[in-house]
Amino acid sequence: MYVGALTLDILLGDVRSLKQKRSVVRPLIAELQRRYPSVAVAETGHLDLHRRAEVGVAVVSASAGNCKEVLDACERMVAFRPEIELLSARHRLYNDED
C-alpha cells in the first residue's frame, strides 16, 4: 500500500478578502474531488491570508506509480487554472513499511 501526499502553495489573483478567497478555493477543491474521486482534498494552510492558500491532496493506491500519476494530474490541473499562480508543489510518497 502506498500513500501519496501533495502540498500545493498557491497565490490567488485579484482577491481582496477572505470571502473572495473562499469563492476561488472552494470551487478548486470541488473540481479536484469531482475529476479525481479517489483523492482527498482540503485547504491546509495560510487560512488567515486572503491572497495565499495551501491545498493538500492525498491518495491511497496499491502502486507507487499510480500515486505519482494521480498527484501529477492534480498538480497540472491546478497549475493551468488562470486565476491562480502555483508557487510550489511538494510530493511525498509513503509505503506501509515507513
N, C-alpha and C. Protein backbone atom coordinates (compact mmCIF):
# COMPACT_ATOMS: atom_id res chain seq x y z
N MET A 1 0.84 -1.17 0.00
CA MET A 1 0.00 0.00 0.00
C MET A 1 0.89 1.24 0.00
N TYR A 2 0.50 2.22 -0.79
CA TYR A 2 1.22 3.48 -0.88
C TYR A 2 0.25 4.63 -0.62
N VAL A 3 0.76 5.64 0.08
CA VAL A 3 0.01 6.87 0.33
C VAL A 3 0.80 8.01 -0.29
N GLY A 4 0.18 8.73 -1.20
CA GLY A 4 0.82 9.87 -1.83
C GLY A 4 0.23 11.15 -1.28
N ALA A 5 1.09 12.11 -1.00
CA ALA A 5 0.64 13.41 -0.49
C ALA A 5 1.22 14.51 -1.37
N LEU A 6 0.39 15.47 -1.67
CA LEU A 6 0.79 16.62 -2.49
C LEU A 6 0.38 17.88 -1.75
N THR A 7 1.33 18.79 -1.56
CA THR A 7 1.05 20.07 -0.94
C THR A 7 1.27 21.15 -1.98
N LEU A 8 0.22 21.93 -2.25
CA LEU A 8 0.27 22.98 -3.26
C LEU A 8 0.20 24.33 -2.57
N ASP A 9 1.18 25.16 -2.80
CA ASP A 9 1.19 26.53 -2.28
C ASP A 9 0.79 27.43 -3.44
N ILE A 10 -0.33 28.12 -3.31
CA ILE A 10 -0.83 28.91 -4.43
C ILE A 10 -1.04 30.37 -4.03
N LEU A 11 -0.86 31.21 -5.03
CA LEU A 11 -1.10 32.65 -4.89
C LEU A 11 -2.35 32.96 -5.71
N LEU A 12 -3.31 33.58 -5.05
CA LEU A 12 -4.57 33.89 -5.70
C LEU A 12 -4.46 35.23 -6.40
N GLY A 13 -5.19 35.39 -7.47
CA GLY A 13 -5.12 36.61 -8.27
C GLY A 13 -5.72 37.82 -7.57
N ASP A 14 -6.71 38.40 -8.14
CA ASP A 14 -7.32 39.64 -7.64
C ASP A 14 -8.32 39.32 -6.52
N VAL A 15 -7.78 39.01 -5.35
CA VAL A 15 -8.59 38.65 -4.19
C VAL A 15 -8.29 39.65 -3.09
N ARG A 16 -9.34 40.25 -2.53
CA ARG A 16 -9.15 41.30 -1.53
C ARG A 16 -9.75 40.97 -0.16
N SER A 17 -10.35 39.78 -0.03
CA SER A 17 -10.95 39.42 1.26
C SER A 17 -10.96 37.91 1.40
N LEU A 18 -11.17 37.45 2.63
CA LEU A 18 -11.26 36.02 2.86
C LEU A 18 -12.49 35.43 2.19
N LYS A 19 -13.54 36.22 2.07
CA LYS A 19 -14.75 35.75 1.39
C LYS A 19 -14.47 35.51 -0.10
N GLN A 20 -13.74 36.41 -0.74
CA GLN A 20 -13.36 36.21 -2.14
C GLN A 20 -12.42 35.02 -2.27
N LYS A 21 -11.53 34.84 -1.28
CA LYS A 21 -10.62 33.70 -1.30
C LYS A 21 -11.43 32.40 -1.31
N ARG A 22 -12.43 32.30 -0.46
CA ARG A 22 -13.27 31.10 -0.42
C ARG A 22 -13.95 30.85 -1.75
N SER A 23 -14.33 31.94 -2.44
CA SER A 23 -15.01 31.77 -3.73
C SER A 23 -14.08 31.26 -4.82
N VAL A 24 -12.78 31.28 -4.59
CA VAL A 24 -11.81 30.72 -5.53
C VAL A 24 -11.37 29.32 -5.08
N VAL A 25 -11.10 29.17 -3.79
CA VAL A 25 -10.54 27.93 -3.28
C VAL A 25 -11.58 26.80 -3.24
N ARG A 26 -12.79 27.11 -2.81
CA ARG A 26 -13.82 26.07 -2.74
C ARG A 26 -14.11 25.41 -4.09
N PRO A 27 -14.30 26.17 -5.17
CA PRO A 27 -14.51 25.52 -6.47
C PRO A 27 -13.29 24.72 -6.94
N LEU A 28 -12.09 25.18 -6.60
CA LEU A 28 -10.88 24.43 -6.95
C LEU A 28 -10.88 23.07 -6.26
N ILE A 29 -11.17 23.06 -4.97
CA ILE A 29 -11.22 21.81 -4.22
C ILE A 29 -12.32 20.90 -4.76
N ALA A 30 -13.48 21.48 -5.04
CA ALA A 30 -14.60 20.69 -5.56
C ALA A 30 -14.26 20.08 -6.92
N GLU A 31 -13.58 20.84 -7.77
CA GLU A 31 -13.22 20.31 -9.09
C GLU A 31 -12.20 19.17 -8.97
N LEU A 32 -11.23 19.31 -8.07
CA LEU A 32 -10.27 18.22 -7.86
C LEU A 32 -10.99 16.96 -7.38
N GLN A 33 -11.93 17.11 -6.46
CA GLN A 33 -12.67 15.96 -5.95
C GLN A 33 -13.57 15.34 -7.02
N ARG A 34 -14.15 16.17 -7.86
CA ARG A 34 -15.03 15.68 -8.91
C ARG A 34 -14.24 14.97 -10.01
N ARG A 35 -13.14 15.57 -10.41
CA ARG A 35 -12.35 14.99 -11.50
C ARG A 35 -11.56 13.76 -11.07
N TYR A 36 -11.11 13.75 -9.81
CA TYR A 36 -10.33 12.63 -9.28
C TYR A 36 -11.02 12.14 -8.00
N PRO A 37 -12.04 11.29 -8.13
CA PRO A 37 -12.81 10.88 -6.95
C PRO A 37 -12.03 10.03 -5.94
N SER A 38 -10.86 9.56 -6.32
CA SER A 38 -10.08 8.73 -5.40
C SER A 38 -9.19 9.55 -4.46
N VAL A 39 -9.21 10.88 -4.56
CA VAL A 39 -8.34 11.71 -3.73
C VAL A 39 -9.13 12.39 -2.62
N ALA A 40 -8.41 12.73 -1.57
CA ALA A 40 -8.94 13.57 -0.50
C ALA A 40 -8.26 14.93 -0.65
N VAL A 41 -9.04 16.01 -0.58
CA VAL A 41 -8.51 17.36 -0.80
C VAL A 41 -9.02 18.27 0.30
N ALA A 42 -8.14 19.17 0.79
CA ALA A 42 -8.55 20.14 1.80
C ALA A 42 -7.63 21.35 1.74
N GLU A 43 -8.15 22.48 2.18
CA GLU A 43 -7.30 23.66 2.38
C GLU A 43 -6.58 23.44 3.70
N THR A 44 -5.25 23.45 3.66
CA THR A 44 -4.48 23.04 4.84
C THR A 44 -3.60 24.13 5.43
N GLY A 45 -3.49 25.27 4.79
CA GLY A 45 -2.62 26.30 5.34
C GLY A 45 -2.95 27.67 4.80
N HIS A 46 -2.29 28.68 5.39
CA HIS A 46 -2.49 30.09 5.04
C HIS A 46 -3.97 30.47 5.18
N LEU A 47 -4.62 29.97 6.21
CA LEU A 47 -6.05 30.16 6.37
C LEU A 47 -6.44 31.61 6.66
N ASP A 48 -5.53 32.38 7.23
CA ASP A 48 -5.86 33.76 7.58
C ASP A 48 -5.33 34.78 6.56
N LEU A 49 -4.70 34.31 5.50
CA LEU A 49 -4.21 35.20 4.45
C LEU A 49 -5.18 35.17 3.28
N HIS A 50 -5.49 36.33 2.72
CA HIS A 50 -6.50 36.34 1.66
C HIS A 50 -5.95 36.11 0.26
N ARG A 51 -4.65 36.27 0.04
CA ARG A 51 -4.11 36.03 -1.31
C ARG A 51 -3.31 34.75 -1.43
N ARG A 52 -3.14 34.02 -0.35
CA ARG A 52 -2.37 32.77 -0.38
C ARG A 52 -3.26 31.63 0.11
N ALA A 53 -2.98 30.44 -0.39
CA ALA A 53 -3.68 29.25 0.07
C ALA A 53 -2.74 28.06 -0.06
N GLU A 54 -2.90 27.13 0.84
CA GLU A 54 -2.20 25.86 0.75
C GLU A 54 -3.27 24.78 0.66
N VAL A 55 -3.15 23.95 -0.35
CA VAL A 55 -4.12 22.89 -0.58
C VAL A 55 -3.37 21.56 -0.49
N GLY A 56 -3.92 20.64 0.29
CA GLY A 56 -3.35 19.31 0.44
C GLY A 56 -4.18 18.29 -0.30
N VAL A 57 -3.49 17.38 -0.99
CA VAL A 57 -4.15 16.30 -1.74
C VAL A 57 -3.51 14.99 -1.28
N ALA A 58 -4.35 13.99 -1.03
CA ALA A 58 -3.84 12.68 -0.62
C ALA A 58 -4.53 11.59 -1.44
N VAL A 59 -3.76 10.54 -1.72
CA VAL A 59 -4.30 9.39 -2.46
C VAL A 59 -3.68 8.12 -1.90
N VAL A 60 -4.48 7.07 -1.85
CA VAL A 60 -4.01 5.75 -1.43
C VAL A 60 -4.13 4.82 -2.62
N SER A 61 -3.05 4.03 -2.86
CA SER A 61 -3.05 3.15 -4.02
C SER A 61 -2.21 1.91 -3.74
N ALA A 62 -2.40 0.92 -4.58
CA ALA A 62 -1.61 -0.31 -4.46
C ALA A 62 -0.22 -0.16 -5.08
N SER A 63 -0.03 0.86 -5.93
CA SER A 63 1.28 1.03 -6.57
C SER A 63 1.76 2.47 -6.44
N ALA A 64 3.07 2.60 -6.37
CA ALA A 64 3.69 3.92 -6.28
C ALA A 64 3.46 4.70 -7.57
N GLY A 65 3.50 4.02 -8.69
CA GLY A 65 3.31 4.67 -9.98
C GLY A 65 1.95 5.31 -10.11
N ASN A 66 0.92 4.62 -9.64
CA ASN A 66 -0.43 5.18 -9.71
C ASN A 66 -0.56 6.40 -8.82
N CYS A 67 0.04 6.36 -7.62
CA CYS A 67 0.02 7.53 -6.73
C CYS A 67 0.64 8.74 -7.43
N LYS A 68 1.82 8.52 -8.00
CA LYS A 68 2.52 9.61 -8.68
C LYS A 68 1.71 10.14 -9.86
N GLU A 69 1.11 9.26 -10.62
CA GLU A 69 0.32 9.67 -11.78
C GLU A 69 -0.88 10.53 -11.37
N VAL A 70 -1.59 10.11 -10.34
CA VAL A 70 -2.76 10.87 -9.88
C VAL A 70 -2.33 12.23 -9.32
N LEU A 71 -1.27 12.27 -8.51
CA LEU A 71 -0.83 13.54 -7.93
C LEU A 71 -0.29 14.48 -9.00
N ASP A 72 0.41 13.95 -10.00
CA ASP A 72 0.89 14.78 -11.11
C ASP A 72 -0.29 15.39 -11.87
N ALA A 73 -1.34 14.60 -12.09
CA ALA A 73 -2.52 15.12 -12.79
C ALA A 73 -3.20 16.21 -11.99
N CYS A 74 -3.28 16.04 -10.67
CA CYS A 74 -3.87 17.08 -9.82
C CYS A 74 -3.03 18.36 -9.88
N GLU A 75 -1.72 18.22 -9.83
CA GLU A 75 -0.84 19.38 -9.90
C GLU A 75 -1.00 20.11 -11.24
N ARG A 76 -1.07 19.38 -12.33
CA ARG A 76 -1.26 20.01 -13.65
C ARG A 76 -2.59 20.75 -13.73
N MET A 77 -3.64 20.15 -13.18
CA MET A 77 -4.94 20.79 -13.23
C MET A 77 -4.91 22.14 -12.50
N VAL A 78 -4.27 22.18 -11.35
CA VAL A 78 -4.18 23.42 -10.57
C VAL A 78 -3.27 24.42 -11.28
N ALA A 79 -2.17 23.95 -11.84
CA ALA A 79 -1.21 24.86 -12.49
C ALA A 79 -1.79 25.56 -13.71
N PHE A 80 -2.75 24.92 -14.39
CA PHE A 80 -3.30 25.51 -15.60
C PHE A 80 -4.52 26.39 -15.36
N ARG A 81 -4.89 26.60 -14.11
CA ARG A 81 -6.02 27.50 -13.83
C ARG A 81 -5.53 28.94 -13.95
N PRO A 82 -6.22 29.76 -14.74
CA PRO A 82 -5.73 31.12 -15.00
C PRO A 82 -5.84 32.08 -13.82
N GLU A 83 -6.72 31.83 -12.86
CA GLU A 83 -6.94 32.78 -11.78
C GLU A 83 -5.98 32.60 -10.60
N ILE A 84 -5.14 31.57 -10.67
CA ILE A 84 -4.18 31.35 -9.59
C ILE A 84 -2.79 31.11 -10.15
N GLU A 85 -1.79 31.29 -9.27
CA GLU A 85 -0.40 31.01 -9.64
C GLU A 85 0.12 29.95 -8.68
N LEU A 86 0.60 28.86 -9.21
CA LEU A 86 1.16 27.79 -8.39
C LEU A 86 2.59 28.17 -8.01
N LEU A 87 2.82 28.44 -6.72
CA LEU A 87 4.14 28.84 -6.26
C LEU A 87 5.06 27.64 -6.04
N SER A 88 4.51 26.58 -5.46
CA SER A 88 5.30 25.37 -5.24
C SER A 88 4.40 24.17 -5.09
N ALA A 89 4.97 23.02 -5.38
CA ALA A 89 4.27 21.75 -5.21
C ALA A 89 5.26 20.76 -4.61
N ARG A 90 4.86 20.13 -3.52
CA ARG A 90 5.73 19.17 -2.85
C ARG A 90 5.05 17.81 -2.83
N HIS A 91 5.71 16.82 -3.42
CA HIS A 91 5.20 15.45 -3.47
C HIS A 91 5.89 14.63 -2.38
N ARG A 92 5.12 13.77 -1.72
CA ARG A 92 5.69 12.81 -0.78
C ARG A 92 5.00 11.47 -1.00
N LEU A 93 5.76 10.41 -0.85
CA LEU A 93 5.22 9.08 -1.05
C LEU A 93 5.62 8.22 0.16
N TYR A 94 4.62 7.60 0.76
CA TYR A 94 4.85 6.73 1.91
C TYR A 94 4.37 5.33 1.54
N ASN A 95 5.06 4.32 2.06
CA ASN A 95 4.56 2.96 1.88
C ASN A 95 4.31 2.34 3.25
N ASP A 96 3.77 1.15 3.29
CA ASP A 96 3.38 0.55 4.55
C ASP A 96 4.58 0.10 5.40
N GLU A 97 5.76 0.21 4.85
CA GLU A 97 6.97 -0.13 5.61
C GLU A 97 7.61 1.08 6.26
N ASP A 98 7.15 2.29 5.97
CA ASP A 98 7.70 3.52 6.57
C ASP A 98 7.25 3.68 8.01
